[in-house]
Amino acid sequence: MAKHTATWSVSLDADCPHCGEYVDLLEDPDFFDGRQLDIPEHDTERSRDLDVICPECGEEFEVDLEW
């Protein structure tokens, strides 16, 4: 019998307050640079008030991560 696999797919979705697009913040290749986050970390000091960059318009804004 053939073995079947399941693949995790993770996204970090937000509405950009600048351009209004619903975006996946993980599309920024540098999102994890300098951050020590665990997926799906939320409601911790490390996962609140993060500065992120919208992959659509390039503007920076702040988010709290939640699962």
Protein backbone atom coordinates (compact mmCIF):
# COMPACT_ATOMS: atom_id res chain seq x y z
CA MET A 1 0.00 0.00 0.00
CA ALA A 2 1.37 3.43 -0.95
CA LYS A 3 2.11 5.86 1.83
CA HIS A 4 0.16 9.12 1.67
CA THR A 5 1.43 12.40 3.04
CA ALA A 6 -0.18 15.59 4.24
CA THR A 7 1.55 18.94 3.83
CA TRP A 8 1.28 21.80 6.29
CA SER A 9 0.49 25.17 4.75
CA VAL A 10 1.03 28.25 6.89
CA SER A 11 0.05 31.84 6.18
CA LEU A 12 -0.04 35.00 8.25
CA ASP A 13 -2.95 37.03 6.92
CA ALA A 14 -3.79 40.66 7.62
CA ASP A 15 -5.63 43.60 6.13
CA CYS A 16 -3.12 46.31 5.24
CA PRO A 17 -4.28 49.61 6.76
CA HIS A 18 -2.53 51.52 3.94
CA CYS A 19 -3.67 49.84 0.72
CA GLY A 20 -6.61 47.83 2.10
CA GLU A 21 -5.41 44.54 0.59
CA TYR A 22 -5.83 41.24 2.44
CA VAL A 23 -2.23 39.96 2.40
CA ASP A 24 -0.06 37.08 3.59
CA LEU A 25 2.72 38.72 5.59
CA LEU A 26 4.90 35.64 5.14
CA GLU A 27 5.36 36.73 1.53
CA ASP A 28 8.03 39.08 2.92
CA PRO A 29 11.17 36.90 2.66
CA ASP A 30 12.70 38.74 5.62
CA PHE A 31 9.74 38.29 7.98
CA PHE A 32 11.57 35.90 10.34
CA ASP A 33 14.97 37.67 10.16
CA GLY A 34 15.91 38.71 13.69
CA ARG A 35 12.71 37.29 15.16
CA GLN A 36 12.51 34.29 17.43
CA LEU A 37 8.91 33.28 16.80
CA ASP A 38 7.39 29.84 16.92
CA ILE A 39 4.48 29.00 14.65
CA PRO A 40 1.69 29.40 15.95
CA GLU A 41 2.92 31.67 18.75
CA HIS A 42 0.42 34.26 19.92
CA ASP A 43 -0.34 36.47 22.92
CA THR A 44 3.30 36.56 24.00
CA GLU A 45 5.67 39.49 24.30
CA ARG A 46 7.42 38.30 21.12
CA SER A 47 4.17 38.13 19.13
CA ARG A 48 2.64 41.50 20.03
CA ASP A 49 3.31 44.87 18.41
CA LEU A 50 5.35 43.47 15.51
CA ASP A 51 6.39 45.84 12.76
CA VAL A 52 5.61 44.23 9.40
CA ILE A 53 5.79 45.30 5.77
CA CYS A 54 2.88 44.86 3.40
CA PRO A 55 3.99 42.68 0.46
CA GLU A 56 1.59 44.57 -1.82
CA CYS A 57 2.34 48.25 -1.17
CA GLY A 58 5.57 48.08 0.87
CA GLU A 59 4.21 50.17 3.73
CA GLU A 60 5.04 49.27 7.32
CA PHE A 61 2.40 48.69 9.99
CA GLU A 62 2.08 46.99 13.38
CA VAL A 63 0.28 43.73 14.18
CA ASP A 64 -0.38 41.33 17.04
CA LEU A 65 -0.17 37.69 15.96
CA GLU A 66 -3.01 35.35 16.86
CA TRP A 67 -3.77 31.75 16.03
